[in-house]
Amino acid sequence: MAERLLRRRTADAPWLAVDSAGTAAPTGAPMDPASQAALERLGGSGFGFAATRLSAAAVQRADLILAMAREHRAAVARLAPAATRRAFALTEFGRLAAGVAPGDGTVDGARRVVGSVRAQRGVIPPVPGEWDDIVDPIGRPAAVVERCAAQIAELVDGLSAMLGLRR
C-alpha cells in the first residue's frame, strides 16, 4: 500500500524512484484483496502488483529505505549492514521529521531532508520499538485493514509534503 500511495503522491517528481520489496510474500504474489480494496478507496491502484522479495542489491541501490516494521528494518540490516543508517520505519521517519524543514521538491531538497531526519536519531528521544510498527493487514479483519491503510496514507502524505511533493 505504501509504495502505491507514495508513487501516486510523488508522480510529479521524475527523479524519485519508488519501489517495494517484502520479506514474506512469495515473489509474484498478487496484493491481498482486502488491502487492495483499502488502497483503492484511498486513491491508489493495485493494478499489476506482484510481490518482490527484498534483496541485498535492492537495499544497496536505495537512498532511503522505509520499512513497515522493525522486523523489516532488521532484514535490511542483515542483507546490507551499512544500509541501516538510511533505513527507517515509516512511522519513525515521520516522527523524526517533525522538526525538520521541508524540502523544495527537488532531489537536492530530498537529500537534505533525509540527512536532517537521519541526524535526529539520538537527538529525539527514542520510543518503544513497537510504536514504530505498522500492523501487517494480511488476513486481519476489515477494520484492522482500514486502520492500517489510513495510517499508511497519513504517513505517506506527510512524507510527500516533507519532500515538497504534496499533490
Foldseek 3Di string as FASTA:
>chain_A
DLQQLLCVFQVVQPVDDGDDADADDDFQDADAVLLQVLQVVVPGHSPPDTHHHDALVVLVPDQAAEAQAPVVLVVSCVRPVVSNLRYYHLQLLLVLLPPPAAAQSHPVSLNVSSVSSSVSVVVPDDDPRCVSHQDDCPPHDSVSSNVSSVVSNVSSQSSCVSHNRGD
